[in-house]
Amino acid sequence: MDKDRIAGAGKQAAGAVKDTAGKVTGDKQLQTEGKADKAEGKVQNTFGKAKDALKDATKG
């Protein structure tokens, strides 16, 4: 598993926590940051998946 997939999953989880905390507290700034972190994590995770697929394709 590529390190980008792991880091991306971590960012997605942290973003979800921020998003939820922002919703609960009514903090729109925190909620927006959480959504941005989730999106960034998703992109990074997808990039890691592509790298893993490329590695697998070159092995076979």
PDB file of N, CA and C in Angstrom:
ATOM      1  N   MET A   1       0.848  -1.168   0.000  1.00  0.00           N
ATOM      2  CA  MET A   1       0.000   0.000   0.000  1.00  0.00           C
ATOM      3  C   MET A   1       0.896   1.234   0.000  1.00  0.00           C
ATOM      4  N   ASP A   2       0.569   2.144  -0.871  1.00  0.00           N
ATOM      5  CA  ASP A   2       1.356   3.359  -1.034  1.00  0.00           C
ATOM      6  C   ASP A   2       1.143   4.320   0.139  1.00  0.00           C
ATOM      7  N   LYS A   3       2.188   5.043   0.482  1.00  0.00           N
ATOM      8  CA  LYS A   3       2.107   5.972   1.615  1.00  0.00           C
ATOM      9  C   LYS A   3       1.099   7.089   1.359  1.00  0.00           C
ATOM     10  N   ASP A   4       0.861   7.444   0.086  1.00  0.00           N
ATOM     11  CA  ASP A   4      -0.138   8.471  -0.220  1.00  0.00           C
ATOM     12  C   ASP A   4      -1.543   8.000   0.126  1.00  0.00           C
ATOM     13  N   ARG A   5      -1.798   6.713  -0.042  1.00  0.00           N
ATOM     14  CA  ARG A   5      -3.123   6.184   0.320  1.00  0.00           C
ATOM     15  C   ARG A   5      -3.347   6.288   1.822  1.00  0.00           C
ATOM     16  N   ILE A   6      -2.315   5.979   2.581  1.00  0.00           N
ATOM     17  CA  ILE A   6      -2.425   6.039   4.043  1.00  0.00           C
ATOM     18  C   ILE A   6      -2.607   7.483   4.503  1.00  0.00           C
ATOM     19  N   ALA A   7      -1.775   8.372   3.975  1.00  0.00           N
ATOM     20  CA  ALA A   7      -1.872   9.788   4.354  1.00  0.00           C
ATOM     21  C   ALA A   7      -3.216  10.372   3.921  1.00  0.00           C
ATOM     22  N   GLY A   8      -3.666   9.986   2.742  1.00  0.00           N
ATOM     23  CA  GLY A   8      -4.954  10.479   2.252  1.00  0.00           C
ATOM     24  C   GLY A   8      -6.111  10.030   3.129  1.00  0.00           C
ATOM     25  N   ALA A   9      -6.067   8.787   3.549  1.00  0.00           N
ATOM     26  CA  ALA A   9      -7.122   8.280   4.429  1.00  0.00           C
ATOM     27  C   ALA A   9      -7.107   9.025   5.759  1.00  0.00           C
ATOM     28  N   GLY A  10      -5.921   9.326   6.249  1.00  0.00           N
ATOM     29  CA  GLY A  10      -5.801  10.084   7.499  1.00  0.00           C
ATOM     30  C   GLY A  10      -6.371  11.481   7.364  1.00  0.00           C
ATOM     31  N   LYS A  11      -6.094  12.139   6.239  1.00  0.00           N
ATOM     32  CA  LYS A  11      -6.623  13.491   6.015  1.00  0.00           C
ATOM     33  C   LYS A  11      -8.142  13.461   5.896  1.00  0.00           C
ATOM     34  N   GLN A  12      -8.662  12.420   5.234  1.00  0.00           N
ATOM     35  CA  GLN A  12     -10.110  12.299   5.108  1.00  0.00           C
ATOM     36  C   GLN A  12     -10.754  12.147   6.487  1.00  0.00           C
ATOM     37  N   ALA A  13     -10.156  11.326   7.322  1.00  0.00           N
ATOM     38  CA  ALA A  13     -10.709  11.104   8.661  1.00  0.00           C
ATOM     39  C   ALA A  13     -10.641  12.381   9.495  1.00  0.00           C
ATOM     40  N   ALA A  14      -9.500  13.067   9.447  1.00  0.00           N
ATOM     41  CA  ALA A  14      -9.353  14.311  10.207  1.00  0.00           C
ATOM     42  C   ALA A  14     -10.330  15.366   9.698  1.00  0.00           C
ATOM     43  N   GLY A  15     -10.519  15.398   8.388  1.00  0.00           N
ATOM     44  CA  GLY A  15     -11.467  16.343   7.809  1.00  0.00           C
ATOM     45  C   GLY A  15     -12.888  16.052   8.237  1.00  0.00           C
ATOM     46  N   ALA A  16     -13.234  14.779   8.330  1.00  0.00           N
ATOM     47  CA  ALA A  16     -14.581  14.410   8.773  1.00  0.00           C
ATOM     48  C   ALA A  16     -14.816  14.848  10.207  1.00  0.00           C
ATOM     49  N   VAL A  17     -13.793  14.714  11.039  1.00  0.00           N
ATOM     50  CA  VAL A  17     -13.908  15.142  12.438  1.00  0.00           C
ATOM     51  C   VAL A  17     -14.101  16.654  12.501  1.00  0.00           C
ATOM     52  N   LYS A  18     -13.300  17.398  11.749  1.00  0.00           N
ATOM     53  CA  LYS A  18     -13.430  18.863  11.735  1.00  0.00           C
ATOM     54  C   LYS A  18     -14.808  19.277  11.224  1.00  0.00           C
ATOM     55  N   ASP A  19     -15.246  18.634  10.149  1.00  0.00           N
ATOM     56  CA  ASP A  19     -16.549  18.948   9.564  1.00  0.00           C
ATOM     57  C   ASP A  19     -17.660  18.735  10.582  1.00  0.00           C
ATOM     58  N   THR A  20     -17.632  17.602  11.248  1.00  0.00           N
ATOM     59  CA  THR A  20     -18.654  17.296  12.260  1.00  0.00           C
ATOM     60  C   THR A  20     -18.575  18.259  13.432  1.00  0.00           C
ATOM     61  N   ALA A  21     -17.365  18.542  13.889  1.00  0.00           N
ATOM     62  CA  ALA A  21     -17.207  19.481  15.004  1.00  0.00           C
ATOM     63  C   ALA A  21     -17.730  20.859  14.619  1.00  0.00           C
ATOM     64  N   GLY A  22     -17.479  21.261  13.395  1.00  0.00           N
ATOM     65  CA  GLY A  22     -17.989  22.549  12.922  1.00  0.00           C
ATOM     66  C   GLY A  22     -19.499  22.586  12.880  1.00  0.00           C
ATOM     67  N   LYS A  23     -20.106  21.483  12.452  1.00  0.00           N
ATOM     68  CA  LYS A  23     -21.569  21.411  12.423  1.00  0.00           C
ATOM     69  C   LYS A  23     -22.143  21.495  13.826  1.00  0.00           C
ATOM     70  N   VAL A  24     -21.546  20.737  14.751  1.00  0.00           N
ATOM     71  CA  VAL A  24     -22.062  20.681  16.120  1.00  0.00           C
ATOM     72  C   VAL A  24     -21.938  22.032  16.821  1.00  0.00           C
ATOM     73  N   THR A  25     -20.811  22.690  16.621  1.00  0.00           N
ATOM     74  CA  THR A  25     -20.564  23.955  17.313  1.00  0.00           C
ATOM     75  C   THR A  25     -21.077  25.161  16.551  1.00  0.00           C
ATOM     76  N   GLY A  26     -21.489  24.963  15.302  1.00  0.00           N
ATOM     77  CA  GLY A  26     -21.958  26.079  14.492  1.00  0.00           C
ATOM     78  C   GLY A  26     -20.818  26.905  13.921  1.00  0.00           C
ATOM     79  N   ASP A  27     -19.622  26.353  13.912  1.00  0.00           N
ATOM     80  CA  ASP A  27     -18.433  27.044  13.411  1.00  0.00           C
ATOM     81  C   ASP A  27     -18.282  26.764  11.915  1.00  0.00           C
ATOM     82  N   LYS A  28     -18.731  27.701  11.095  1.00  0.00           N
ATOM     83  CA  LYS A  28     -18.706  27.515   9.636  1.00  0.00           C
ATOM     84  C   LYS A  28     -17.276  27.414   9.107  1.00  0.00           C
ATOM     85  N   GLN A  29     -16.345  28.159   9.710  1.00  0.00           N
ATOM     86  CA  GLN A  29     -14.950  28.118   9.276  1.00  0.00           C
ATOM     87  C   GLN A  29     -14.370  26.710   9.480  1.00  0.00           C
ATOM     88  N   LEU A  30     -14.596  26.134  10.646  1.00  0.00           N
ATOM     89  CA  LEU A  30     -14.104  24.792  10.948  1.00  0.00           C
ATOM     90  C   LEU A  30     -14.749  23.767  10.021  1.00  0.00           C
ATOM     91  N   GLN A  31     -16.017  23.933   9.768  1.00  0.00           N
ATOM     92  CA  GLN A  31     -16.737  23.028   8.880  1.00  0.00           C
ATOM     93  C   GLN A  31     -16.159  23.107   7.463  1.00  0.00           C
ATOM     94  N   THR A  32     -15.868  24.305   6.993  1.00  0.00           N
ATOM     95  CA  THR A  32     -15.286  24.490   5.661  1.00  0.00           C
ATOM     96  C   THR A  32     -13.898  23.874   5.582  1.00  0.00           C
ATOM     97  N   GLU A  33     -13.097  24.062   6.623  1.00  0.00           N
ATOM     98  CA  GLU A  33     -11.768  23.456   6.667  1.00  0.00           C
ATOM     99  C   GLU A  33     -11.867  21.932   6.620  1.00  0.00           C
ATOM    100  N   GLY A  34     -12.839  21.397   7.329  1.00  0.00           N
ATOM    101  CA  GLY A  34     -13.041  19.955   7.337  1.00  0.00           C
ATOM    102  C   GLY A  34     -13.393  19.417   5.963  1.00  0.00           C
ATOM    103  N   LYS A  35     -14.272  20.120   5.277  1.00  0.00           N
ATOM    104  CA  LYS A  35     -14.651  19.698   3.927  1.00  0.00           C
ATOM    105  C   LYS A  35     -13.445  19.766   2.989  1.00  0.00           C
ATOM    106  N   ALA A  36     -12.635  20.805   3.126  1.00  0.00           N
ATOM    107  CA  ALA A  36     -11.439  20.939   2.286  1.00  0.00           C
ATOM    108  C   ALA A  36     -10.443  19.818   2.584  1.00  0.00           C
ATOM    109  N   ASP A  37     -10.250  19.505   3.856  1.00  0.00           N
ATOM    110  CA  ASP A  37      -9.332  18.424   4.231  1.00  0.00           C
ATOM    111  C   ASP A  37      -9.809  17.081   3.693  1.00  0.00           C
ATOM    112  N   LYS A  38     -11.122  16.848   3.758  1.00  0.00           N
ATOM    113  CA  LYS A  38     -11.669  15.597   3.230  1.00  0.00           C
ATOM    114  C   LYS A  38     -11.424  15.497   1.731  1.00  0.00           C
ATOM    115  N   ALA A  39     -11.634  16.595   1.018  1.00  0.00           N
ATOM    116  CA  ALA A  39     -11.424  16.589  -0.434  1.00  0.00           C
ATOM    117  C   ALA A  39      -9.949  16.361  -0.763  1.00  0.00           C
ATOM    118  N   GLU A  40      -9.073  17.032  -0.037  1.00  0.00           N
ATOM    119  CA  GLU A  40      -7.631  16.859  -0.262  1.00  0.00           C
ATOM    120  C   GLU A  40      -7.210  15.418   0.010  1.00  0.00           C
ATOM    121  N   GLY A  41      -7.738  14.853   1.074  1.00  0.00           N
ATOM    122  CA  GLY A  41      -7.425  13.471   1.402  1.00  0.00           C
ATOM    123  C   GLY A  41      -7.918  12.502   0.344  1.00  0.00           C
ATOM    124  N   LYS A  42      -9.078  12.778  -0.196  1.00  0.00           N
ATOM    125  CA  LYS A  42      -9.629  11.906  -1.235  1.00  0.00           C
ATOM    126  C   LYS A  42      -8.757  11.933  -2.486  1.00  0.00           C
ATOM    127  N   VAL A  43      -8.288  13.124  -2.856  1.00  0.00           N
ATOM    128  CA  VAL A  43      -7.414  13.247  -4.023  1.00  0.00           C
ATOM    129  C   VAL A  43      -6.104  12.501  -3.778  1.00  0.00           C
ATOM    130  N   GLN A  44      -5.528  12.681  -2.598  1.00  0.00           N
ATOM    131  CA  GLN A  44      -4.268  12.020  -2.275  1.00  0.00           C
ATOM    132  C   GLN A  44      -4.439  10.497  -2.255  1.00  0.00           C
ATOM    133  N   ASN A  45      -5.545  10.036  -1.713  1.00  0.00           N
ATOM    134  CA  ASN A  45      -5.833   8.605  -1.672  1.00  0.00           C
ATOM    135  C   ASN A  45      -5.963   8.052  -3.094  1.00  0.00           C
ATOM    136  N   THR A  46      -6.651   8.764  -3.952  1.00  0.00           N
ATOM    137  CA  THR A  46      -6.819   8.344  -5.338  1.00  0.00           C
ATOM    138  C   THR A  46      -5.476   8.288  -6.052  1.00  0.00           C
ATOM    139  N   PHE A  47      -4.619   9.270  -5.793  1.00  0.00           N
ATOM    140  CA  PHE A  47      -3.277   9.284  -6.376  1.00  0.00           C
ATOM    141  C   PHE A  47      -2.491   8.057  -5.919  1.00  0.00           C
ATOM    142  N   GLY A  48      -2.595   7.731  -4.649  1.00  0.00           N
ATOM    143  CA  GLY A  48      -1.920   6.545  -4.122  1.00  0.00           C
ATOM    144  C   GLY A  48      -2.427   5.264  -4.758  1.00  0.00           C
ATOM    145  N   LYS A  49      -3.738   5.183  -4.997  1.00  0.00           N
ATOM    146  CA  LYS A  49      -4.311   4.009  -5.662  1.00  0.00           C
ATOM    147  C   LYS A  49      -3.754   3.876  -7.076  1.00  0.00           C
ATOM    148  N   ALA A  50      -3.627   5.003  -7.763  1.00  0.00           N
ATOM    149  CA  ALA A  50      -3.088   4.973  -9.124  1.00  0.00           C
ATOM    150  C   ALA A  50      -1.633   4.498  -9.109  1.00  0.00           C
ATOM    151  N   LYS A  51      -0.867   4.969  -8.143  1.00  0.00           N
ATOM    152  CA  LYS A  51       0.523   4.531  -8.031  1.00  0.00           C
ATOM    153  C   LYS A  51       0.601   3.032  -7.753  1.00  0.00           C
ATOM    154  N   ASP A  52      -0.280   2.537  -6.875  1.00  0.00           N
ATOM    155  CA  ASP A  52      -0.316   1.107  -6.580  1.00  0.00           C
ATOM    156  C   ASP A  52      -0.681   0.309  -7.838  1.00  0.00           C
ATOM    157  N   ALA A  53      -1.646   0.790  -8.596  1.00  0.00           N
ATOM    158  CA  ALA A  53      -2.066   0.095  -9.811  1.00  0.00           C
ATOM    159  C   ALA A  53      -0.916   0.062 -10.818  1.00  0.00           C
ATOM    160  N   LEU A  54      -0.184   1.136 -10.916  1.00  0.00           N
ATOM    161  CA  LEU A  54       0.941   1.191 -11.844  1.00  0.00           C
ATOM    162  C   LEU A  54       2.032   0.200 -11.420  1.00  0.00           C
ATOM    163  N   LYS A  55       2.296   0.148 -10.115  1.00  0.00           N
ATOM    164  CA  LYS A  55       3.295  -0.804  -9.602  1.00  0.00           C
ATOM    165  C   LYS A  55       2.873  -2.235  -9.901  1.00  0.00           C
ATOM    166  N   ASP A  56       1.586  -2.533  -9.673  1.00  0.00           N
ATOM    167  CA  ASP A  56       1.078  -3.889  -9.934  1.00  0.00           C
ATOM    168  C   ASP A  56       1.154  -4.238 -11.421  1.00  0.00           C
ATOM    169  N   ALA A  57       0.863  -3.259 -12.281  1.00  0.00           N
ATOM    170  CA  ALA A  57       0.892  -3.502 -13.710  1.00  0.00           C
ATOM    171  C   ALA A  57       2.305  -3.764 -14.217  1.00  0.00           C
ATOM    172  N   THR A  58       3.268  -3.116 -13.615  1.00  0.00           N
ATOM    173  CA  THR A  58       4.645  -3.296 -14.084  1.00  0.00           C
ATOM    174  C   THR A  58       5.266  -4.570 -13.533  1.00  0.00           C
ATOM    175  N   LYS A  59       4.698  -5.120 -12.451  1.00  0.00           N
ATOM    176  CA  LYS A  59       5.209  -6.377 -11.886  1.00  0.00           C
ATOM    177  C   LYS A  59       4.813  -7.581 -12.726  1.00  0.00           C
ATOM    178  N   GLY A  60       3.603  -7.515 -13.303  1.00  0.00           N
ATOM    179  CA  GLY A  60       3.031  -8.667 -13.990  1.00  0.00           C
ATOM    180  C   GLY A  60       3.542  -8.825 -15.354  1.00  0.00           C
TER     181      GLY A  60
END
